[in-house]
Amino acid sequence: MKKINSINYGHKIISSASICLIVVPVICYFLWSLTKQEQFQLFAIASLVLGFLILLFLFVLLKIELYQDKKIAEYFKANEKTRVALKNGFYECQTCGNTRIQQEQKSCIICGTKFKDWSDDDGSK
């Protein structure tokens, strides 16, 4: 599943919902009060429904994003004292992000984390 990040689109969804919930109904109300045509009332109601649907969509996306963040945090918490092999031959500390850990190091020189099962990282020791 692709990671959802509302920083990229959240403000756009909120602004479109605000337009549908505030701006369009206010304009429709003023036009209705001037012309007394029922189409403006129907358009205002449709705009309100659309605005609420947009907010509901945003709420669902935020719930999914928070669930994904929780699962990612649980994963990194469970693998906090491990190191990950990188393509360049070094390892990365999962606690602090140091990417210059060498194969023979038992702990991180930046944060001091002692790696559990450090000899099982590549299967050669």
PDB file of N, CA and C in Angstrom:
ATOM      1  N   MET A   1       0.837  -1.175   0.000  1.00  0.00           N
ATOM      2  CA  MET A   1       0.000   0.000   0.000  1.00  0.00           C
ATOM      3  C   MET A   1       0.885   1.244   0.000  1.00  0.00           C
ATOM      4  N   LYS A   2       0.520   2.236  -0.780  1.00  0.00           N
ATOM      5  CA  LYS A   2       1.282   3.475  -0.850  1.00  0.00           C
ATOM      6  C   LYS A   2       1.024   4.315   0.403  1.00  0.00           C
ATOM      7  N   LYS A   3       2.077   4.908   0.911  1.00  0.00           N
ATOM      8  CA  LYS A   3       1.969   5.743   2.110  1.00  0.00           C
ATOM      9  C   LYS A   3       1.231   7.032   1.770  1.00  0.00           C
ATOM     10  N   ILE A   4       0.207   7.332   2.545  1.00  0.00           N
ATOM     11  CA  ILE A   4      -0.571   8.553   2.365  1.00  0.00           C
ATOM     12  C   ILE A   4       0.094   9.667   3.168  1.00  0.00           C
ATOM     13  N   ASN A   5       0.227  10.837   2.558  1.00  0.00           N
ATOM     14  CA  ASN A   5       0.829  11.982   3.225  1.00  0.00           C
ATOM     15  C   ASN A   5      -0.030  13.201   2.930  1.00  0.00           C
ATOM     16  N   SER A   6      -0.810  13.649   3.913  1.00  0.00           N
ATOM     17  CA  SER A   6      -1.759  14.739   3.690  1.00  0.00           C
ATOM     18  C   SER A   6      -1.107  16.111   3.590  1.00  0.00           C
ATOM     19  N   ILE A   7       0.182  16.202   3.809  1.00  0.00           N
ATOM     20  CA  ILE A   7       0.857  17.489   3.668  1.00  0.00           C
ATOM     21  C   ILE A   7       0.777  17.969   2.222  1.00  0.00           C
ATOM     22  N   ASN A   8       0.783  17.037   1.283  1.00  0.00           N
ATOM     23  CA  ASN A   8       0.779  17.402  -0.125  1.00  0.00           C
ATOM     24  C   ASN A   8      -0.588  17.855  -0.632  1.00  0.00           C
ATOM     25  N   TYR A   9      -1.667  17.392  -0.051  1.00  0.00           N
ATOM     26  CA  TYR A   9      -2.984  17.678  -0.604  1.00  0.00           C
ATOM     27  C   TYR A   9      -4.008  18.158   0.423  1.00  0.00           C
ATOM     28  N   GLY A  10      -3.717  18.124   1.685  1.00  0.00           N
ATOM     29  CA  GLY A  10      -4.694  18.454   2.723  1.00  0.00           C
ATOM     30  C   GLY A  10      -5.262  19.849   2.596  1.00  0.00           C
ATOM     31  N   HIS A  11      -4.431  20.829   2.336  1.00  0.00           N
ATOM     32  CA  HIS A  11      -4.918  22.210   2.223  1.00  0.00           C
ATOM     33  C   HIS A  11      -5.829  22.391   1.019  1.00  0.00           C
ATOM     34  N   LYS A  12      -5.602  21.642  -0.042  1.00  0.00           N
ATOM     35  CA  LYS A  12      -6.458  21.746  -1.224  1.00  0.00           C
ATOM     36  C   LYS A  12      -7.844  21.176  -0.940  1.00  0.00           C
ATOM     37  N   ILE A  13      -7.897  20.074  -0.219  1.00  0.00           N
ATOM     38  CA  ILE A  13      -9.182  19.469   0.118  1.00  0.00           C
ATOM     39  C   ILE A  13      -9.957  20.372   1.070  1.00  0.00           C
ATOM     40  N   ILE A  14      -9.277  20.939   2.058  1.00  0.00           N
ATOM     41  CA  ILE A  14      -9.957  21.832   3.004  1.00  0.00           C
ATOM     42  C   ILE A  14     -10.462  23.083   2.313  1.00  0.00           C
ATOM     43  N   SER A  15      -9.675  23.647   1.398  1.00  0.00           N
ATOM     44  CA  SER A  15     -10.128  24.854   0.695  1.00  0.00           C
ATOM     45  C   SER A  15     -11.310  24.554  -0.220  1.00  0.00           C
ATOM     46  N   SER A  16     -11.299  23.406  -0.893  1.00  0.00           N
ATOM     47  CA  SER A  16     -12.439  23.075  -1.754  1.00  0.00           C
ATOM     48  C   SER A  16     -13.687  22.802  -0.914  1.00  0.00           C
ATOM     49  N   ALA A  17     -13.530  22.163   0.239  1.00  0.00           N
ATOM     50  CA  ALA A  17     -14.680  21.957   1.127  1.00  0.00           C
ATOM     51  C   ALA A  17     -15.199  23.287   1.656  1.00  0.00           C
ATOM     52  N   SER A  18     -14.307  24.219   1.966  1.00  0.00           N
ATOM     53  CA  SER A  18     -14.727  25.536   2.457  1.00  0.00           C
ATOM     54  C   SER A  18     -15.507  26.297   1.393  1.00  0.00           C
ATOM     55  N   ILE A  19     -15.059  26.185   0.163  1.00  0.00           N
ATOM     56  CA  ILE A  19     -15.779  26.852  -0.924  1.00  0.00           C
ATOM     57  C   ILE A  19     -17.180  26.265  -1.057  1.00  0.00           C
ATOM     58  N   CYS A  20     -17.267  24.924  -0.988  1.00  0.00           N
ATOM     59  CA  CYS A  20     -18.581  24.274  -1.126  1.00  0.00           C
ATOM     60  C   CYS A  20     -19.473  24.507   0.082  1.00  0.00           C
ATOM     61  N   LEU A  21     -18.898  24.652   1.264  1.00  0.00           N
ATOM     62  CA  LEU A  21     -19.708  24.803   2.476  1.00  0.00           C
ATOM     63  C   LEU A  21     -20.020  26.247   2.836  1.00  0.00           C
ATOM     64  N   ILE A  22     -19.198  27.199   2.381  1.00  0.00           N
ATOM     65  CA  ILE A  22     -19.387  28.587   2.807  1.00  0.00           C
ATOM     66  C   ILE A  22     -19.652  29.513   1.624  1.00  0.00           C
ATOM     67  N   VAL A  23     -18.726  29.574   0.691  1.00  0.00           N
ATOM     68  CA  VAL A  23     -18.776  30.580  -0.372  1.00  0.00           C
ATOM     69  C   VAL A  23     -19.980  30.376  -1.286  1.00  0.00           C
ATOM     70  N   VAL A  24     -20.122  29.185  -1.837  1.00  0.00           N
ATOM     71  CA  VAL A  24     -21.207  28.932  -2.798  1.00  0.00           C
ATOM     72  C   VAL A  24     -22.584  29.086  -2.153  1.00  0.00           C
ATOM     73  N   PRO A  25     -22.823  28.533  -0.944  1.00  0.00           N
ATOM     74  CA  PRO A  25     -24.150  28.748  -0.345  1.00  0.00           C
ATOM     75  C   PRO A  25     -24.462  30.210  -0.043  1.00  0.00           C
ATOM     76  N   VAL A  26     -23.459  30.984   0.379  1.00  0.00           N
ATOM     77  CA  VAL A  26     -23.697  32.407   0.655  1.00  0.00           C
ATOM     78  C   VAL A  26     -24.058  33.136  -0.635  1.00  0.00           C
ATOM     79  N   ILE A  27     -23.341  32.882  -1.712  1.00  0.00           N
ATOM     80  CA  ILE A  27     -23.650  33.508  -3.002  1.00  0.00           C
ATOM     81  C   ILE A  27     -25.035  33.085  -3.472  1.00  0.00           C
ATOM     82  N   CYS A  28     -25.348  31.805  -3.336  1.00  0.00           N
ATOM     83  CA  CYS A  28     -26.669  31.312  -3.741  1.00  0.00           C
ATOM     84  C   CYS A  28     -27.783  31.942  -2.913  1.00  0.00           C
ATOM     85  N   TYR A  29     -27.530  32.131  -1.628  1.00  0.00           N
ATOM     86  CA  TYR A  29     -28.548  32.760  -0.782  1.00  0.00           C
ATOM     87  C   TYR A  29     -28.827  34.192  -1.234  1.00  0.00           C
ATOM     88  N   PHE A  30     -27.768  34.948  -1.511  1.00  0.00           N
ATOM     89  CA  PHE A  30     -27.965  36.325  -1.975  1.00  0.00           C
ATOM     90  C   PHE A  30     -28.651  36.363  -3.334  1.00  0.00           C
ATOM     91  N   LEU A  31     -28.291  35.470  -4.230  1.00  0.00           N
ATOM     92  CA  LEU A  31     -28.948  35.423  -5.529  1.00  0.00           C
ATOM     93  C   LEU A  31     -30.409  34.999  -5.388  1.00  0.00           C
ATOM     94  N   TRP A  32     -30.672  34.074  -4.474  1.00  0.00           N
ATOM     95  CA  TRP A  32     -32.052  33.649  -4.246  1.00  0.00           C
ATOM     96  C   TRP A  32     -32.890  34.785  -3.662  1.00  0.00           C
ATOM     97  N   SER A  33     -32.286  35.548  -2.723  1.00  0.00           N
ATOM     98  CA  SER A  33     -33.042  36.655  -2.113  1.00  0.00           C
ATOM     99  C   SER A  33     -33.325  37.758  -3.127  1.00  0.00           C
ATOM    100  N   LEU A  34     -32.489  37.901  -4.148  1.00  0.00           N
ATOM    101  CA  LEU A  34     -32.728  38.912  -5.179  1.00  0.00           C
ATOM    102  C   LEU A  34     -33.733  38.443  -6.232  1.00  0.00           C
ATOM    103  N   THR A  35     -33.636  37.179  -6.630  1.00  0.00           N
ATOM    104  CA  THR A  35     -34.442  36.698  -7.759  1.00  0.00           C
ATOM    105  C   THR A  35     -35.596  35.790  -7.366  1.00  0.00           C
ATOM    106  N   LYS A  36     -35.565  35.199  -6.179  1.00  0.00           N
ATOM    107  CA  LYS A  36     -36.577  34.256  -5.700  1.00  0.00           C
ATOM    108  C   LYS A  36     -36.741  33.050  -6.626  1.00  0.00           C
ATOM    109  N   GLN A  37     -35.660  32.621  -7.225  1.00  0.00           N
ATOM    110  CA  GLN A  37     -35.685  31.425  -8.077  1.00  0.00           C
ATOM    111  C   GLN A  37     -35.218  30.220  -7.252  1.00  0.00           C
ATOM    112  N   GLU A  38     -35.936  29.124  -7.379  1.00  0.00           N
ATOM    113  CA  GLU A  38     -35.676  27.920  -6.600  1.00  0.00           C
ATOM    114  C   GLU A  38     -34.360  27.240  -6.970  1.00  0.00           C
ATOM    115  N   GLN A  39     -33.859  27.481  -8.166  1.00  0.00           N
ATOM    116  CA  GLN A  39     -32.616  26.839  -8.590  1.00  0.00           C
ATOM    117  C   GLN A  39     -31.462  27.203  -7.667  1.00  0.00           C
ATOM    118  N   PHE A  40     -31.456  28.405  -7.152  1.00  0.00           N
ATOM    119  CA  PHE A  40     -30.370  28.825  -6.271  1.00  0.00           C
ATOM    120  C   PHE A  40     -30.408  28.080  -4.935  1.00  0.00           C
ATOM    121  N   GLN A  41     -31.598  27.811  -4.437  1.00  0.00           N
ATOM    122  CA  GLN A  41     -31.715  27.028  -3.207  1.00  0.00           C
ATOM    123  C   GLN A  41     -31.242  25.591  -3.440  1.00  0.00           C
ATOM    124  N   LEU A  42     -31.658  25.005  -4.548  1.00  0.00           N
ATOM    125  CA  LEU A  42     -31.234  23.648  -4.859  1.00  0.00           C
ATOM    126  C   LEU A  42     -29.723  23.571  -5.060  1.00  0.00           C
ATOM    127  N   PHE A  43     -29.164  24.569  -5.720  1.00  0.00           N
ATOM    128  CA  PHE A  43     -27.723  24.592  -5.928  1.00  0.00           C
ATOM    129  C   PHE A  43     -26.978  24.746  -4.610  1.00  0.00           C
ATOM    130  N   ALA A  44     -27.512  25.548  -3.697  1.00  0.00           N
ATOM    131  CA  ALA A  44     -26.890  25.723  -2.374  1.00  0.00           C
ATOM    132  C   ALA A  44     -26.928  24.419  -1.593  1.00  0.00           C
ATOM    133  N   ILE A  45     -28.048  23.703  -1.652  1.00  0.00           N
ATOM    134  CA  ILE A  45     -28.160  22.423  -0.941  1.00  0.00           C
ATOM    135  C   ILE A  45     -27.199  21.401  -1.536  1.00  0.00           C
ATOM    136  N   ALA A  46     -27.121  21.356  -2.864  1.00  0.00           N
ATOM    137  CA  ALA A  46     -26.185  20.433  -3.519  1.00  0.00           C
ATOM    138  C   ALA A  46     -24.745  20.766  -3.150  1.00  0.00           C
ATOM    139  N   SER A  47     -24.430  22.051  -3.055  1.00  0.00           N
ATOM    140  CA  SER A  47     -23.079  22.466  -2.680  1.00  0.00           C
ATOM    141  C   SER A  47     -22.757  22.062  -1.241  1.00  0.00           C
ATOM    142  N   LEU A  48     -23.730  22.192  -0.347  1.00  0.00           N
ATOM    143  CA  LEU A  48     -23.518  21.777   1.045  1.00  0.00           C
ATOM    144  C   LEU A  48     -23.287  20.273   1.140  1.00  0.00           C
ATOM    145  N   VAL A  49     -24.079  19.498   0.398  1.00  0.00           N
ATOM    146  CA  VAL A  49     -23.901  18.049   0.407  1.00  0.00           C
ATOM    147  C   VAL A  49     -22.528  17.678  -0.129  1.00  0.00           C
ATOM    148  N   LEU A  50     -22.119  18.314  -1.224  1.00  0.00           N
ATOM    149  CA  LEU A  50     -20.797  18.054  -1.794  1.00  0.00           C
ATOM    150  C   LEU A  50     -19.685  18.433  -0.817  1.00  0.00           C
ATOM    151  N   GLY A  51     -19.837  19.546  -0.118  1.00  0.00           N
ATOM    152  CA  GLY A  51     -18.847  19.969   0.870  1.00  0.00           C
ATOM    153  C   GLY A  51     -18.708  18.966   2.007  1.00  0.00           C
ATOM    154  N   PHE A  52     -19.833  18.453   2.482  1.00  0.00           N
ATOM    155  CA  PHE A  52     -19.776  17.445   3.545  1.00  0.00           C
ATOM    156  C   PHE A  52     -19.159  16.142   3.052  1.00  0.00           C
ATOM    157  N   LEU A  53     -19.429  15.776   1.809  1.00  0.00           N
ATOM    158  CA  LEU A  53     -18.804  14.570   1.246  1.00  0.00           C
ATOM    159  C   LEU A  53     -17.292  14.745   1.114  1.00  0.00           C
ATOM    160  N   ILE A  54     -16.865  15.937   0.741  1.00  0.00           N
ATOM    161  CA  ILE A  54     -15.428  16.213   0.641  1.00  0.00           C
ATOM    162  C   ILE A  54     -14.776  16.110   2.014  1.00  0.00           C
ATOM    163  N   LEU A  55     -15.419  16.673   3.034  1.00  0.00           N
ATOM    164  CA  LEU A  55     -14.873  16.573   4.397  1.00  0.00           C
ATOM    165  C   LEU A  55     -14.857  15.135   4.898  1.00  0.00           C
ATOM    166  N   LEU A  56     -15.867  14.364   4.550  1.00  0.00           N
ATOM    167  CA  LEU A  56     -15.896  12.954   4.921  1.00  0.00           C
ATOM    168  C   LEU A  56     -14.742  12.204   4.257  1.00  0.00           C
ATOM    169  N   PHE A  57     -14.487  12.501   2.991  1.00  0.00           N
ATOM    170  CA  PHE A  57     -13.365  11.903   2.272  1.00  0.00           C
ATOM    171  C   PHE A  57     -12.040  12.256   2.938  1.00  0.00           C
ATOM    172  N   LEU A  58     -11.878  13.523   3.336  1.00  0.00           N
ATOM    173  CA  LEU A  58     -10.664  13.946   4.035  1.00  0.00           C
ATOM    174  C   LEU A  58     -10.527  13.212   5.368  1.00  0.00           C
ATOM    175  N   PHE A  59     -11.612  13.057   6.089  1.00  0.00           N
ATOM    176  CA  PHE A  59     -11.581  12.352   7.367  1.00  0.00           C
ATOM    177  C   PHE A  59     -11.127  10.906   7.180  1.00  0.00           C
ATOM    178  N   VAL A  60     -11.646  10.239   6.157  1.00  0.00           N
ATOM    179  CA  VAL A  60     -11.252   8.855   5.893  1.00  0.00           C
ATOM    180  C   VAL A  60      -9.767   8.780   5.535  1.00  0.00           C
ATOM    181  N   LEU A  61      -9.303   9.698   4.697  1.00  0.00           N
ATOM    182  CA  LEU A  61      -7.879   9.708   4.338  1.00  0.00           C
ATOM    183  C   LEU A  61      -6.992   9.946   5.555  1.00  0.00           C
ATOM    184  N   LEU A  62      -7.410  10.839   6.435  1.00  0.00           N
ATOM    185  CA  LEU A  62      -6.619  11.106   7.639  1.00  0.00           C
ATOM    186  C   LEU A  62      -6.598   9.905   8.574  1.00  0.00           C
ATOM    187  N   LYS A  63      -7.722   9.193   8.683  1.00  0.00           N
ATOM    188  CA  LYS A  63      -7.741   7.981   9.508  1.00  0.00           C
ATOM    189  C   LYS A  63      -6.791   6.925   8.944  1.00  0.00           C
ATOM    190  N   ILE A  64      -6.786   6.765   7.622  1.00  0.00           N
ATOM    191  CA  ILE A  64      -5.874   5.805   6.995  1.00  0.00           C
ATOM    192  C   ILE A  64      -4.434   6.229   7.221  1.00  0.00           C
ATOM    193  N   GLU A  65      -4.152   7.525   7.073  1.00  0.00           N
ATOM    194  CA  GLU A  65      -2.787   8.017   7.275  1.00  0.00           C
ATOM    195  C   GLU A  65      -2.317   7.799   8.714  1.00  0.00           C
ATOM    196  N   LEU A  66      -3.175   8.072   9.680  1.00  0.00           N
ATOM    197  CA  LEU A  66      -2.796   7.867  11.075  1.00  0.00           C
ATOM    198  C   LEU A  66      -2.568   6.389  11.375  1.00  0.00           C
ATOM    199  N   TYR A  67      -3.370   5.521  10.780  1.00  0.00           N
ATOM    200  CA  TYR A  67      -3.170   4.077  10.953  1.00  0.00           C
ATOM    201  C   TYR A  67      -1.823   3.647  10.368  1.00  0.00           C
ATOM    202  N   GLN A  68      -1.508   4.158   9.163  1.00  0.00           N
ATOM    203  CA  GLN A  68      -0.215   3.829   8.553  1.00  0.00           C
ATOM    204  C   GLN A  68       0.941   4.340   9.399  1.00  0.00           C
ATOM    205  N   ASP A  69       0.823   5.559   9.916  1.00  0.00           N
ATOM    206  CA  ASP A  69       1.876   6.112  10.767  1.00  0.00           C
ATOM    207  C   ASP A  69       2.064   5.277  12.027  1.00  0.00           C
ATOM    208  N   LYS A  70       0.962   4.802  12.591  1.00  0.00           N
ATOM    209  CA  LYS A  70       1.042   3.964  13.790  1.00  0.00           C
ATOM    210  C   LYS A  70       1.774   2.661  13.487  1.00  0.00           C
ATOM    211  N   LYS A  71       1.460   2.033  12.368  1.00  0.00           N
ATOM    212  CA  LYS A  71       2.110   0.775  11.991  1.00  0.00           C
ATOM    213  C   LYS A  71       3.595   0.984  11.700  1.00  0.00           C
ATOM    214  N   ILE A  72       3.942   2.067  11.044  1.00  0.00           N
ATOM    215  CA  ILE A  72       5.349   2.364  10.756  1.00  0.00           C
ATOM    216  C   ILE A  72       6.104   2.613  12.058  1.00  0.00           C
ATOM    217  N   ALA A  73       5.488   3.360  12.986  1.00  0.00           N
ATOM    218  CA  ALA A  73       6.129   3.627  14.280  1.00  0.00           C
ATOM    219  C   ALA A  73       6.328   2.338  15.069  1.00  0.00           C
ATOM    220  N   GLU A  74       5.339   1.439  15.029  1.00  0.00           N
ATOM    221  CA  GLU A  74       5.482   0.148  15.710  1.00  0.00           C
ATOM    222  C   GLU A  74       6.614  -0.670  15.099  1.00  0.00           C
ATOM    223  N   TYR A  75       6.731  -0.642  13.781  1.00  0.00           N
ATOM    224  CA  TYR A  75       7.791  -1.395  13.107  1.00  0.00           C
ATOM    225  C   TYR A  75       9.173  -0.877  13.514  1.00  0.00           C
ATOM    226  N   PHE A  76       9.346   0.442  13.488  1.00  0.00           N
ATOM    227  CA  PHE A  76      10.650   0.995  13.841  1.00  0.00           C
ATOM    228  C   PHE A  76      10.948   0.836  15.323  1.00  0.00           C
ATOM    229  N   LYS A  77       9.927   0.853  16.165  1.00  0.00           N
ATOM    230  CA  LYS A  77      10.150   0.628  17.591  1.00  0.00           C
ATOM    231  C   LYS A  77      10.599  -0.814  17.835  1.00  0.00           C
ATOM    232  N   ALA A  78      10.008  -1.765  17.089  1.00  0.00           N
ATOM    233  CA  ALA A  78      10.383  -3.168  17.249  1.00  0.00           C
ATOM    234  C   ALA A  78      11.780  -3.451  16.703  1.00  0.00           C
ATOM    235  N   ASN A  79      12.215  -2.686  15.720  1.00  0.00           N
ATOM    236  CA  ASN A  79      13.519  -2.899  15.088  1.00  0.00           C
ATOM    237  C   ASN A  79      14.513  -1.803  15.440  1.00  0.00           C
ATOM    238  N   GLU A  80      14.335  -1.218  16.592  1.00  0.00           N
ATOM    239  CA  GLU A  80      15.139  -0.074  17.017  1.00  0.00           C
ATOM    240  C   GLU A  80      16.623  -0.424  17.182  1.00  0.00           C
ATOM    241  N   LYS A  81      16.920  -1.593  17.661  1.00  0.00           N
ATOM    242  CA  LYS A  81      18.306  -1.965  17.937  1.00  0.00           C
ATOM    243  C   LYS A  81      18.876  -2.869  16.845  1.00  0.00           C
ATOM    244  N   THR A  82      18.478  -2.600  15.623  1.00  0.00           N
ATOM    245  CA  THR A  82      18.991  -3.377  14.495  1.00  0.00           C
ATOM    246  C   THR A  82      19.682  -2.445  13.518  1.00  0.00           C
ATOM    247  N   ARG A  83      20.337  -3.057  12.567  1.00  0.00           N
ATOM    248  CA  ARG A  83      20.946  -2.279  11.497  1.00  0.00           C
ATOM    249  C   ARG A  83      20.522  -2.891  10.170  1.00  0.00           C
ATOM    250  N   VAL A  84      20.446  -2.050   9.171  1.00  0.00           N
ATOM    251  CA  VAL A  84      19.969  -2.472   7.863  1.00  0.00           C
ATOM    252  C   VAL A  84      21.113  -2.354   6.869  1.00  0.00           C
ATOM    253  N   ALA A  85      21.313  -3.395   6.083  1.00  0.00           N
ATOM    254  CA  ALA A  85      22.376  -3.372   5.077  1.00  0.00           C
ATOM    255  C   ALA A  85      22.002  -2.411   3.951  1.00  0.00           C
ATOM    256  N   LEU A  86      22.961  -1.593   3.553  1.00  0.00           N
ATOM    257  CA  LEU A  86      22.776  -0.670   2.436  1.00  0.00           C
ATOM    258  C   LEU A  86      23.516  -1.192   1.208  1.00  0.00           C
ATOM    259  N   LYS A  87      23.228  -0.663   0.049  1.00  0.00           N
ATOM    260  CA  LYS A  87      23.839  -1.135  -1.194  1.00  0.00           C
ATOM    261  C   LYS A  87      25.330  -0.809  -1.283  1.00  0.00           C
ATOM    262  N   ASN A  88      25.756   0.222  -0.571  1.00  0.00           N
ATOM    263  CA  ASN A  88      27.157   0.643  -0.676  1.00  0.00           C
ATOM    264  C   ASN A  88      28.086  -0.129   0.260  1.00  0.00           C
ATOM    265  N   GLY A  89      27.594  -1.163   0.933  1.00  0.00           N
ATOM    266  CA  GLY A  89      28.420  -1.972   1.828  1.00  0.00           C
ATOM    267  C   GLY A  89      28.363  -1.545   3.278  1.00  0.00           C
ATOM    268  N   PHE A  90      27.805  -0.398   3.551  1.00  0.00           N
ATOM    269  CA  PHE A  90      27.643   0.062   4.922  1.00  0.00           C
ATOM    270  C   PHE A  90      26.295  -0.397   5.455  1.00  0.00           C
ATOM    271  N   TYR A  91      26.054  -0.079   6.735  1.00  0.00           N
ATOM    272  CA  TYR A  91      24.792  -0.386   7.384  1.00  0.00           C
ATOM    273  C   TYR A  91      24.196   0.899   7.932  1.00  0.00           C
ATOM    274  N   GLU A  92      22.881   0.874   8.152  1.00  0.00           N
ATOM    275  CA  GLU A  92      22.196   2.030   8.722  1.00  0.00           C
ATOM    276  C   GLU A  92      21.650   1.672  10.097  1.00  0.00           C
ATOM    277  N   CYS A  93      21.910   2.525  11.074  1.00  0.00           N
ATOM    278  CA  CYS A  93      21.366   2.358  12.420  1.00  0.00           C
ATOM    279  C   CYS A  93      19.888   2.766  12.393  1.00  0.00           C
ATOM    280  N   GLN A  94      19.016   1.898  12.876  1.00  0.00           N
ATOM    281  CA  GLN A  94      17.590   2.192  12.878  1.00  0.00           C
ATOM    282  C   GLN A  94      17.184   3.120  14.016  1.00  0.00           C
ATOM    283  N   THR A  95      18.082   3.392  14.939  1.00  0.00           N
ATOM    284  CA  THR A  95      17.770   4.300  16.033  1.00  0.00           C
ATOM    285  C   THR A  95      18.012   5.754  15.645  1.00  0.00           C
ATOM    286  N   CYS A  96      19.185   6.040  15.081  1.00  0.00           N
ATOM    287  CA  CYS A  96      19.527   7.430  14.781  1.00  0.00           C
ATOM    288  C   CYS A  96      19.639   7.732  13.286  1.00  0.00           C
ATOM    289  N   GLY A  97      19.727   6.718  12.437  1.00  0.00           N
ATOM    290  CA  GLY A  97      19.818   6.945  11.002  1.00  0.00           C
ATOM    291  C   GLY A  97      21.230   7.051  10.472  1.00  0.00           C
ATOM    292  N   ASN A  98      22.228   6.769  11.299  1.00  0.00           N
ATOM    293  CA  ASN A  98      23.622   6.810  10.861  1.00  0.00           C
ATOM    294  C   ASN A  98      23.818   5.780   9.743  1.00  0.00           C
ATOM    295  N   THR A  99      24.309   6.234   8.592  1.00  0.00           N
ATOM    296  CA  THR A  99      24.475   5.334   7.441  1.00  0.00           C
ATOM    297  C   THR A  99      25.922   4.924   7.225  1.00  0.00           C
ATOM    298  N   ARG A 100      26.788   5.179   8.171  1.00  0.00           N
ATOM    299  CA  ARG A 100      28.210   4.857   8.014  1.00  0.00           C
ATOM    300  C   ARG A 100      28.674   3.769   8.972  1.00  0.00           C
ATOM    301  N   ILE A 101      27.825   2.825   9.279  1.00  0.00           N
ATOM    302  CA  ILE A 101      28.194   1.730  10.171  1.00  0.00           C
ATOM    303  C   ILE A 101      28.845   0.631   9.335  1.00  0.00           C
ATOM    304  N   GLN A 102      29.994   0.200   9.789  1.00  0.00           N
ATOM    305  CA  GLN A 102      30.697  -0.850   9.065  1.00  0.00           C
ATOM    306  C   GLN A 102      30.274  -2.216   9.568  1.00  0.00           C
ATOM    307  N   GLN A 103      30.596  -3.231   8.798  1.00  0.00           N
ATOM    308  CA  GLN A 103      30.132  -4.596   9.067  1.00  0.00           C
ATOM    309  C   GLN A 103      30.599  -5.117  10.417  1.00  0.00           C
ATOM    310  N   GLU A 104      31.812  -4.792  10.830  1.00  0.00           N
ATOM    311  CA  GLU A 104      32.348  -5.353  12.059  1.00  0.00           C
ATOM    312  C   GLU A 104      31.942  -4.588  13.322  1.00  0.00           C
ATOM    313  N   GLN A 105      31.255  -3.457  13.196  1.00  0.00           N
ATOM    314  CA  GLN A 105      30.855  -2.667  14.358  1.00  0.00           C
ATOM    315  C   GLN A 105      29.677  -3.324  15.079  1.00  0.00           C
ATOM    316  N   LYS A 106      29.803  -3.412  16.420  1.00  0.00           N
ATOM    317  CA  LYS A 106      28.751  -3.996  17.247  1.00  0.00           C
ATOM    318  C   LYS A 106      27.788  -2.944  17.769  1.00  0.00           C
ATOM    319  N   SER A 107      28.170  -1.672  17.664  1.00  0.00           N
ATOM    320  CA  SER A 107      27.308  -0.591  18.143  1.00  0.00           C
ATOM    321  C   SER A 107      27.485   0.637  17.253  1.00  0.00           C
ATOM    322  N   CYS A 108      26.540   1.540  17.352  1.00  0.00           N
ATOM    323  CA  CYS A 108      26.574   2.776  16.565  1.00  0.00           C
ATOM    324  C   CYS A 108      27.493   3.783  17.244  1.00  0.00           C
ATOM    325  N   ILE A 109      28.359   4.418  16.475  1.00  0.00           N
ATOM    326  CA  ILE A 109      29.284   5.390  17.062  1.00  0.00           C
ATOM    327  C   ILE A 109      28.591   6.728  17.335  1.00  0.00           C
ATOM    328  N   ILE A 110      27.433   6.970  16.756  1.00  0.00           N
ATOM    329  CA  ILE A 110      26.713   8.226  16.967  1.00  0.00           C
ATOM    330  C   ILE A 110      25.848   8.163  18.236  1.00  0.00           C
ATOM    331  N   CYS A 111      24.961   7.176  18.297  1.00  0.00           N
ATOM    332  CA  CYS A 111      24.014   7.113  19.419  1.00  0.00           C
ATOM    333  C   CYS A 111      24.366   6.067  20.458  1.00  0.00           C
ATOM    334  N   GLY A 112      25.311   5.175  20.178  1.00  0.00           N
ATOM    335  CA  GLY A 112      25.740   4.172  21.142  1.00  0.00           C
ATOM    336  C   GLY A 112      24.853   2.942  21.223  1.00  0.00           C
ATOM    337  N   THR A 113      23.901   2.807  20.321  1.00  0.00           N
ATOM    338  CA  THR A 113      23.008   1.649  20.337  1.00  0.00           C
ATOM    339  C   THR A 113      23.794   0.372  20.065  1.00  0.00           C
ATOM    340  N   LYS A 114      23.640  -0.593  20.945  1.00  0.00           N
ATOM    341  CA  LYS A 114      24.263  -1.900  20.724  1.00  0.00           C
ATOM    342  C   LYS A 114      23.284  -2.737  19.919  1.00  0.00           C
ATOM    343  N   PHE A 115      23.773  -3.240  18.780  1.00  0.00           N
ATOM    344  CA  PHE A 115      22.904  -3.972  17.867  1.00  0.00           C
ATOM    345  C   PHE A 115      22.674  -5.391  18.365  1.00  0.00           C
ATOM    346  N   LYS A 116      21.420  -5.819  18.337  1.00  0.00           N
ATOM    347  CA  LYS A 116      21.127  -7.204  18.676  1.00  0.00           C
ATOM    348  C   LYS A 116      21.300  -8.029  17.401  1.00  0.00           C
ATOM    349  N   ASP A 117      21.818  -9.212  17.547  1.00  0.00           N
ATOM    350  CA  ASP A 117      22.063 -10.121  16.421  1.00  0.00           C
ATOM    351  C   ASP A 117      22.904  -9.461  15.333  1.00  0.00           C
ATOM    352  N   TRP A 118      23.912  -8.718  15.732  1.00  0.00           N
ATOM    353  CA  TRP A 118      24.714  -7.993  14.740  1.00  0.00           C
ATOM    354  C   TRP A 118      25.490  -8.923  13.831  1.00  0.00           C
ATOM    355  N   SER A 119      25.780 -10.124  14.276  1.00  0.00           N
ATOM    356  CA  SER A 119      26.538 -11.042  13.445  1.00  0.00           C
ATOM    357  C   SER A 119      25.655 -11.737  12.409  1.00  0.00           C
ATOM    358  N   ASP A 120      24.323 -11.636  12.555  1.00  0.00           N
ATOM    359  CA  ASP A 120      23.410 -12.286  11.629  1.00  0.00           C
ATOM    360  C   ASP A 120      22.985 -11.377  10.488  1.00  0.00           C
ATOM    361  N   ASP A 121      23.533 -10.158  10.421  1.00  0.00           N
ATOM    362  CA  ASP A 121      23.097  -9.212   9.391  1.00  0.00           C
ATOM    363  C   ASP A 121      23.366  -9.702   7.993  1.00  0.00           C
ATOM    364  N   ASP A 122      24.527 -10.285   7.777  1.00  0.00           N
ATOM    365  CA  ASP A 122      24.843 -10.714   6.418  1.00  0.00           C
ATOM    366  C   ASP A 122      25.044 -12.221   6.313  1.00  0.00           C
ATOM    367  N   GLY A 123      25.015 -12.935   7.416  1.00  0.00           N
ATOM    368  CA  GLY A 123      25.123 -14.375   7.410  1.00  0.00           C
ATOM    369  C   GLY A 123      26.536 -14.903   7.227  1.00  0.00           C
ATOM    370  N   SER A 124      27.542 -14.015   7.173  1.00  0.00           N
ATOM    371  CA  SER A 124      28.905 -14.471   6.928  1.00  0.00           C
ATOM    372  C   SER A 124      29.652 -14.787   8.218  1.00  0.00           C
ATOM    373  N   LYS A 125      29.190 -14.300   9.361  1.00  0.00           N
ATOM    374  CA  LYS A 125      29.916 -14.551  10.626  1.00  0.00           C
ATOM    375  C   LYS A 125      29.290 -15.649  11.415  1.00  0.00           C
TER     376      LYS A 125
END
